[in-house]
Amino acid sequence: MRKKLLILIAAFIGLTTMHSLVAQTYDLYDVQVINNLITNNGLDATPDAPETWKFLIWNNNTPKQIRSFVVANMFLHGNVSLAGLPSLFTIMCYDQDKIISLDLTGCEQLESVQCAYNKQLIKFYLTGCTQLKQIHCAGNQLTELDLTGLDSIKNVNGPWQSVSLTLSENETGEYTHSILLNNPTFENSAISYSEGILKSTDNTVGSTSFTVQTIGGNFQLSGTMFFSYTNGINIPKKIELKVYPNPTTGELKIENGELTIKNIEVFDVTGRRQKVENRKDNVFDISHLSTGVYFVKIFTEAGQTTKKIIKQ
């Protein structure tokens, strides 16, 4: 009887130890993404002990995956990427001074983005966030929000954007700046916009309220634009990008006007990057892809543009 009891105790200890080991197994892909974030931004966390990361909430699955990401009054820098975290449900990012963009591409379960009052934040990347329901993005520097393909969104709260722009003299009495805006309106009549060019006919205008429409959605961003002016003739390049034919059975061509294309990427509706075949100049082939909807991201010196295409 004593021998059997010892065997049972040993088995129980073994099972307990095994359970403990399993409980400490983390999703390596998620961990790697956040490890990179820690390395790049000096966050107060230990890469080898993810359970100590106070700005993360993990789910109870095995292996564990990141459920929520919450940062405030910390120091995120530059272009921050949480792309490809399929379990991420919510993100909250407040009062960051140096974050420029936030990439959430392919976060398939993401339902809520609460990123506000980040003084330098100019861009969200949301391709493939098909479960997204709400975005609170007040008090950033956003002038563009692409919601193409994100039909589940019910609410976008985007007032109080504070955008600083430098306008250069184009012709005498006209000052311009290249920027992507979707159906903008301005309080001051000296400020106008056409084909990617913001124009001021009065260099004494220091600011104006503005409103822009989101792309692929019925929501607005609004706030104040602040202007500084420089002398010297500067003719900006117009933002002219067209992808055709659309729909297509295979070959696509980009009409880029005066812009130089630096890179082209293709994503499916879940945010997964797809291989581009036989790219030559501004022509590329997607005949190998399955029938469906895709998003083409085109990178130029004027920024990034996303085009929705249909593969037949």
Protein backbone atom coordinates (compact mmCIF):
# COMPACT_ATOMS: atom_id res chain seq x y z
CA MET A 1 0.00 0.00 0.00
CA ARG A 2 2.81 2.41 0.86
CA LYS A 3 4.50 1.64 -2.46
CA LYS A 4 1.28 2.35 -4.38
CA LEU A 5 0.81 5.59 -2.45
CA LEU A 6 4.34 6.74 -3.35
CA ILE A 7 3.69 5.91 -7.01
CA LEU A 8 0.45 7.92 -6.94
CA ILE A 9 2.18 10.90 -5.29
CA ALA A 10 5.01 10.77 -7.85
CA ALA A 11 2.50 10.61 -10.70
CA PHE A 12 0.59 13.58 -9.24
CA ILE A 13 3.81 15.59 -8.91
CA GLY A 14 4.73 14.67 -12.48
CA LEU A 15 1.35 15.77 -13.80
CA THR A 16 1.52 18.99 -11.78
CA THR A 17 5.00 19.71 -13.09
CA MET A 18 3.91 18.98 -16.65
CA HIS A 19 0.89 21.29 -16.27
CA SER A 20 3.15 24.00 -14.87
CA LEU A 21 5.47 23.68 -17.83
CA VAL A 22 2.58 23.82 -20.28
CA ALA A 23 1.16 26.90 -18.54
CA GLN A 24 4.46 28.73 -19.15
CA THR A 25 4.50 27.97 -22.88
CA TYR A 26 3.89 31.10 -24.92
CA ASP A 27 3.10 31.66 -28.55
CA LEU A 28 6.55 32.22 -30.04
CA TYR A 29 5.34 34.45 -32.86
CA ASP A 30 3.54 36.79 -30.47
CA VAL A 31 6.50 36.83 -28.11
CA GLN A 32 8.89 37.66 -30.94
CA VAL A 33 6.77 40.60 -32.08
CA ILE A 34 6.69 42.06 -28.58
CA ASN A 35 10.37 41.26 -27.97
CA ASN A 36 11.16 43.35 -31.03
CA LEU A 37 8.94 46.11 -29.68
CA ILE A 38 10.81 46.05 -26.36
CA THR A 39 14.21 46.06 -28.08
CA ASN A 40 13.30 48.98 -30.33
CA ASN A 41 11.62 51.11 -27.69
CA GLY A 42 13.32 50.32 -24.38
CA LEU A 43 10.12 49.33 -22.59
CA ASP A 44 10.41 48.29 -18.96
CA ALA A 45 9.96 44.56 -19.46
CA THR A 46 12.01 41.38 -19.52
CA PRO A 47 11.96 39.59 -22.90
CA ASP A 48 12.41 36.17 -21.30
CA ALA A 49 9.53 36.60 -18.84
CA PRO A 50 6.43 37.70 -20.78
CA GLU A 51 4.18 37.08 -17.79
CA THR A 52 5.80 40.15 -16.17
CA TRP A 53 4.83 42.52 -18.96
CA LYS A 54 2.32 44.81 -17.24
CA PHE A 55 1.19 46.39 -20.53
CA LEU A 56 -0.04 43.02 -21.90
CA ILE A 57 -3.02 40.84 -21.06
CA TRP A 58 -2.68 37.19 -22.09
CA ASN A 59 -5.54 34.78 -22.80
CA ASN A 60 -5.91 31.45 -21.01
CA ASN A 61 -5.17 29.25 -24.00
CA THR A 62 -2.17 26.95 -24.30
CA PRO A 63 0.04 28.26 -25.68
CA LYS A 64 -0.93 31.68 -24.36
CA GLN A 65 -1.47 34.54 -26.79
CA ILE A 66 -1.62 38.29 -26.37
CA ARG A 67 -5.18 39.50 -25.85
CA SER A 68 -4.73 43.20 -25.03
CA PHE A 69 -1.96 45.76 -25.40
CA VAL A 70 -2.17 48.84 -23.17
CA VAL A 71 0.42 51.62 -23.03
CA ALA A 72 0.17 55.13 -21.62
CA ASN A 73 2.88 57.61 -20.67
CA MET A 74 5.54 55.22 -21.97
CA PHE A 75 7.98 55.75 -24.79
CA LEU A 76 7.14 54.13 -28.09
CA HIS A 77 9.24 55.48 -30.97
CA GLY A 78 8.81 55.78 -34.71
CA ASN A 79 6.92 53.14 -36.67
CA VAL A 80 5.47 50.63 -34.22
CA SER A 81 4.25 47.26 -35.57
CA LEU A 82 1.98 44.71 -33.94
CA ALA A 83 1.17 43.25 -37.35
CA GLY A 84 0.15 39.61 -37.51
CA LEU A 85 -1.02 39.14 -33.91
CA PRO A 86 -4.15 37.07 -34.66
CA SER A 87 -5.31 36.95 -31.02
CA LEU A 88 -5.08 40.69 -30.30
CA PHE A 89 -8.53 41.88 -29.20
CA THR A 90 -7.95 45.42 -27.96
CA ILE A 91 -5.19 48.01 -28.10
CA MET A 92 -4.97 51.18 -26.02
CA CYS A 93 -2.18 53.66 -26.74
CA TYR A 94 -2.29 57.10 -25.12
CA ASP A 95 0.01 60.08 -24.61
CA GLN A 96 2.93 58.92 -26.74
CA ASP A 97 5.22 61.73 -27.89
CA LYS A 98 7.25 60.00 -30.60
CA ILE A 99 5.17 57.26 -32.21
CA ILE A 100 4.67 58.06 -35.95
CA SER A 101 2.65 55.10 -37.24
CA LEU A 102 0.94 52.02 -35.84
CA ASP A 103 0.75 48.88 -38.00
CA LEU A 104 -2.06 46.49 -37.00
CA THR A 105 -2.18 44.64 -40.34
CA GLY A 106 -3.58 41.12 -40.04
CA CYS A 107 -4.83 41.41 -36.44
CA GLU A 108 -7.81 39.22 -37.31
CA GLN A 109 -9.63 39.34 -33.94
CA LEU A 110 -9.04 43.01 -33.19
CA GLU A 111 -12.32 44.71 -32.19
CA SER A 112 -11.27 47.94 -30.50
CA VAL A 113 -8.53 50.50 -31.21
CA GLN A 114 -8.21 53.20 -28.55
CA CYS A 115 -5.23 55.32 -29.61
CA ALA A 116 -5.56 58.98 -28.74
CA TYR A 117 -3.54 62.08 -27.87
CA ASN A 118 -0.34 60.80 -29.45
CA LYS A 119 1.30 64.02 -30.61
CA GLN A 120 3.15 62.65 -33.67
CA LEU A 121 0.86 59.82 -34.79
CA ILE A 122 -0.01 60.29 -38.47
CA LYS A 123 -0.99 56.81 -39.71
CA PHE A 124 -2.83 53.59 -38.83
CA TYR A 125 -2.48 50.43 -40.96
CA LEU A 126 -5.62 48.32 -40.51
CA THR A 127 -5.71 45.96 -43.53
CA GLY A 128 -7.22 42.61 -42.54
CA CYS A 129 -8.75 43.80 -39.24
CA THR A 130 -12.09 42.42 -40.37
CA GLN A 131 -13.61 42.21 -36.86
CA LEU A 132 -12.86 45.83 -35.96
CA LYS A 133 -15.92 47.54 -34.45
CA GLN A 134 -14.70 50.84 -33.00
CA ILE A 135 -11.82 53.30 -33.29
CA HIS A 136 -11.15 56.11 -30.83
CA CYS A 137 -8.38 58.23 -32.33
CA ALA A 138 -8.92 61.77 -31.08
CA GLY A 139 -6.04 64.21 -30.61
CA ASN A 140 -3.48 62.70 -32.99
CA GLN A 141 -2.11 64.07 -36.30
CA LEU A 142 -4.29 61.91 -38.56
CA THR A 143 -5.44 63.25 -41.91
CA GLU A 144 -6.15 59.85 -43.50
CA LEU A 145 -7.86 56.70 -42.24
CA ASP A 146 -8.34 53.79 -44.64
CA LEU A 147 -11.28 51.58 -43.63
CA THR A 148 -11.54 49.75 -46.95
CA GLY A 149 -12.95 46.26 -46.43
CA LEU A 150 -13.67 46.86 -42.73
CA ASP A 151 -17.45 46.63 -42.88
CA SER A 152 -17.90 45.68 -39.22
CA ILE A 153 -16.94 49.16 -37.92
CA LYS A 154 -19.81 50.88 -36.12
CA ASN A 155 -18.08 53.87 -34.58
CA VAL A 156 -15.08 56.10 -35.32
CA ASN A 157 -14.33 58.98 -32.96
CA GLY A 158 -11.67 61.17 -34.58
CA PRO A 159 -11.94 64.87 -33.56
CA TRP A 160 -9.22 67.26 -32.35
CA GLN A 161 -6.49 66.22 -34.77
CA SER A 162 -3.63 68.73 -34.54
CA VAL A 163 -1.72 68.72 -37.84
CA SER A 164 1.40 70.80 -38.53
CA LEU A 165 2.35 71.37 -42.18
CA THR A 166 5.05 73.36 -43.96
CA LEU A 167 3.89 74.95 -47.22
CA SER A 168 6.42 75.92 -49.88
CA GLU A 169 6.02 78.69 -52.43
CA ASN A 170 4.97 77.29 -55.80
CA GLU A 171 4.04 80.42 -57.68
CA THR A 172 3.98 83.98 -56.44
CA GLY A 173 1.29 84.18 -53.79
CA GLU A 174 0.60 80.42 -53.78
CA TYR A 175 1.99 77.98 -51.23
CA THR A 176 1.58 74.22 -51.53
CA HIS A 177 2.12 70.91 -49.76
CA SER A 178 1.78 67.32 -51.10
CA ILE A 179 -0.54 65.30 -48.89
CA LEU A 180 -3.23 62.61 -49.19
CA LEU A 181 -6.65 63.93 -48.13
CA ASN A 182 -10.07 62.40 -48.76
CA ASN A 183 -12.81 64.95 -49.53
CA PRO A 184 -11.49 67.73 -47.23
CA THR A 185 -13.26 70.91 -46.16
CA PHE A 186 -11.59 73.98 -44.58
CA GLU A 187 -12.97 76.82 -42.51
CA ASN A 188 -10.63 79.36 -44.18
CA SER A 189 -11.37 80.00 -47.86
CA ALA A 190 -7.69 80.72 -48.59
CA ILE A 191 -6.97 76.99 -48.12
CA SER A 192 -7.96 74.53 -50.87
CA TYR A 193 -7.13 71.03 -52.07
CA SER A 194 -7.00 69.29 -55.44
CA GLU A 195 -5.32 66.12 -56.77
CA GLY A 196 -3.02 65.60 -53.82
CA ILE A 197 -1.98 69.25 -53.45
CA LEU A 198 -2.94 71.43 -50.48
CA LYS A 199 -2.79 75.11 -51.43
CA SER A 200 -2.81 78.40 -49.51
CA THR A 201 -3.22 81.74 -51.28
CA ASP A 202 -2.42 83.70 -48.12
CA ASN A 203 0.78 83.06 -46.19
CA THR A 204 -0.56 84.96 -43.19
CA VAL A 205 -3.05 82.16 -42.48
CA GLY A 206 -1.55 80.37 -39.52
CA SER A 207 -4.26 77.77 -39.01
CA THR A 208 -7.69 76.55 -40.07
CA SER A 209 -10.14 73.93 -38.91
CA PHE A 210 -10.55 70.98 -41.26
CA THR A 211 -12.66 67.88 -41.83
CA VAL A 212 -11.78 64.85 -43.98
CA GLN A 213 -13.74 61.73 -44.82
CA THR A 214 -12.37 58.29 -44.06
CA ILE A 215 -11.59 56.06 -47.04
CA GLY A 216 -14.01 53.18 -47.44
CA GLY A 217 -16.20 54.35 -44.54
CA ASN A 218 -18.81 56.94 -43.58
CA PHE A 219 -16.84 58.53 -40.76
CA GLN A 220 -14.80 61.71 -40.36
CA LEU A 221 -11.56 63.00 -38.93
CA SER A 222 -11.48 66.65 -37.90
CA GLY A 223 -9.33 69.19 -36.11
CA THR A 224 -6.96 72.06 -36.81
CA MET A 225 -4.15 72.42 -39.36
CA PHE A 226 -1.27 74.72 -38.42
CA PHE A 227 0.84 76.21 -41.21
CA SER A 228 4.37 77.49 -41.59
CA TYR A 229 5.64 78.89 -44.90
CA THR A 230 8.94 78.76 -46.78
CA ASN A 231 10.16 80.90 -49.69
CA GLY A 232 11.57 79.62 -52.96
CA ILE A 233 9.78 77.95 -55.82
CA ASN A 234 8.90 74.31 -55.12
CA ILE A 235 6.62 72.44 -57.51
CA PRO A 236 5.32 69.37 -55.67
CA LYS A 237 4.63 66.08 -57.38
CA LYS A 238 0.96 65.31 -57.80
CA ILE A 239 -0.26 62.14 -56.16
CA GLU A 240 -1.59 60.20 -59.15
CA LEU A 241 -1.92 56.44 -58.76
CA LYS A 242 -4.18 54.11 -60.68
CA VAL A 243 -4.20 50.31 -60.70
CA TYR A 244 -5.86 48.62 -63.68
CA PRO A 245 -7.54 46.62 -65.07
CA ASN A 246 -9.87 46.12 -62.13
CA PRO A 247 -11.29 43.46 -62.00
CA THR A 248 -8.39 41.48 -63.42
CA THR A 249 -7.63 37.89 -64.32
CA GLY A 250 -3.91 38.31 -63.76
CA GLU A 251 -1.75 41.19 -64.93
CA LEU A 252 -1.99 44.58 -63.21
CA LYS A 253 -0.40 47.86 -64.19
CA ILE A 254 0.20 50.91 -62.01
CA GLU A 255 -0.19 54.35 -63.53
CA ASN A 256 1.98 56.49 -61.26
CA GLY A 257 2.25 59.87 -62.95
CA GLU A 258 5.29 61.71 -61.61
CA LEU A 259 5.72 59.54 -58.53
CA THR A 260 8.52 56.98 -58.13
CA ILE A 261 7.30 53.60 -56.93
CA LYS A 262 9.56 52.17 -54.25
CA ASN A 263 7.71 48.95 -53.43
CA ILE A 264 4.50 47.04 -54.10
CA GLU A 265 2.84 44.60 -51.69
CA VAL A 266 -0.36 42.56 -52.09
CA PHE A 267 -2.51 41.40 -49.14
CA ASP A 268 -5.64 39.26 -48.95
CA VAL A 269 -8.64 40.31 -46.86
CA THR A 270 -7.15 38.69 -43.73
CA GLY A 271 -4.02 40.83 -44.00
CA ARG A 272 -1.71 38.05 -45.18
CA ARG A 273 0.97 39.17 -47.62
CA GLN A 274 0.82 37.40 -50.99
CA LYS A 275 3.67 36.69 -53.38
CA VAL A 276 3.84 39.00 -56.41
CA GLU A 277 4.94 37.27 -59.63
CA ASN A 278 7.02 38.65 -62.51
CA ARG A 279 7.19 42.24 -61.40
CA LYS A 280 8.73 44.42 -64.10
CA ASP A 281 8.67 48.19 -63.86
CA ASN A 282 5.07 49.02 -62.90
CA VAL A 283 3.52 45.75 -64.13
CA PHE A 284 3.00 42.67 -61.96
CA ASP A 285 1.11 39.39 -62.17
CA ILE A 286 -1.37 37.91 -59.67
CA SER A 287 -2.80 35.20 -61.92
CA HIS A 288 -1.54 32.58 -59.43
CA LEU A 289 -3.78 33.96 -56.67
CA SER A 290 -7.25 32.61 -55.91
CA THR A 291 -10.37 34.46 -56.98
CA GLY A 292 -11.34 37.15 -54.48
CA VAL A 293 -10.65 40.63 -53.07
CA TYR A 294 -7.09 41.86 -52.49
CA PHE A 295 -5.40 45.07 -51.40
CA VAL A 296 -2.40 46.49 -53.24
CA LYS A 297 -0.12 48.68 -51.12
CA ILE A 298 2.00 51.04 -53.20
CA PHE A 299 4.92 52.82 -51.54
CA THR A 300 6.20 56.09 -53.08
CA GLU A 301 8.20 59.07 -51.87
CA ALA A 302 4.88 60.79 -51.15
CA GLY A 303 3.74 58.02 -48.82
CA GLN A 304 1.70 54.83 -49.01
CA THR A 305 -1.52 54.28 -50.95
CA THR A 306 -3.80 51.22 -50.76
CA LYS A 307 -5.95 50.14 -53.71
CA LYS A 308 -8.68 47.50 -53.55
CA ILE A 309 -8.71 45.07 -56.48
CA ILE A 310 -10.81 42.08 -57.52
CA LYS A 311 -9.14 38.95 -58.89
CA GLN A 312 -11.43 36.99 -61.20
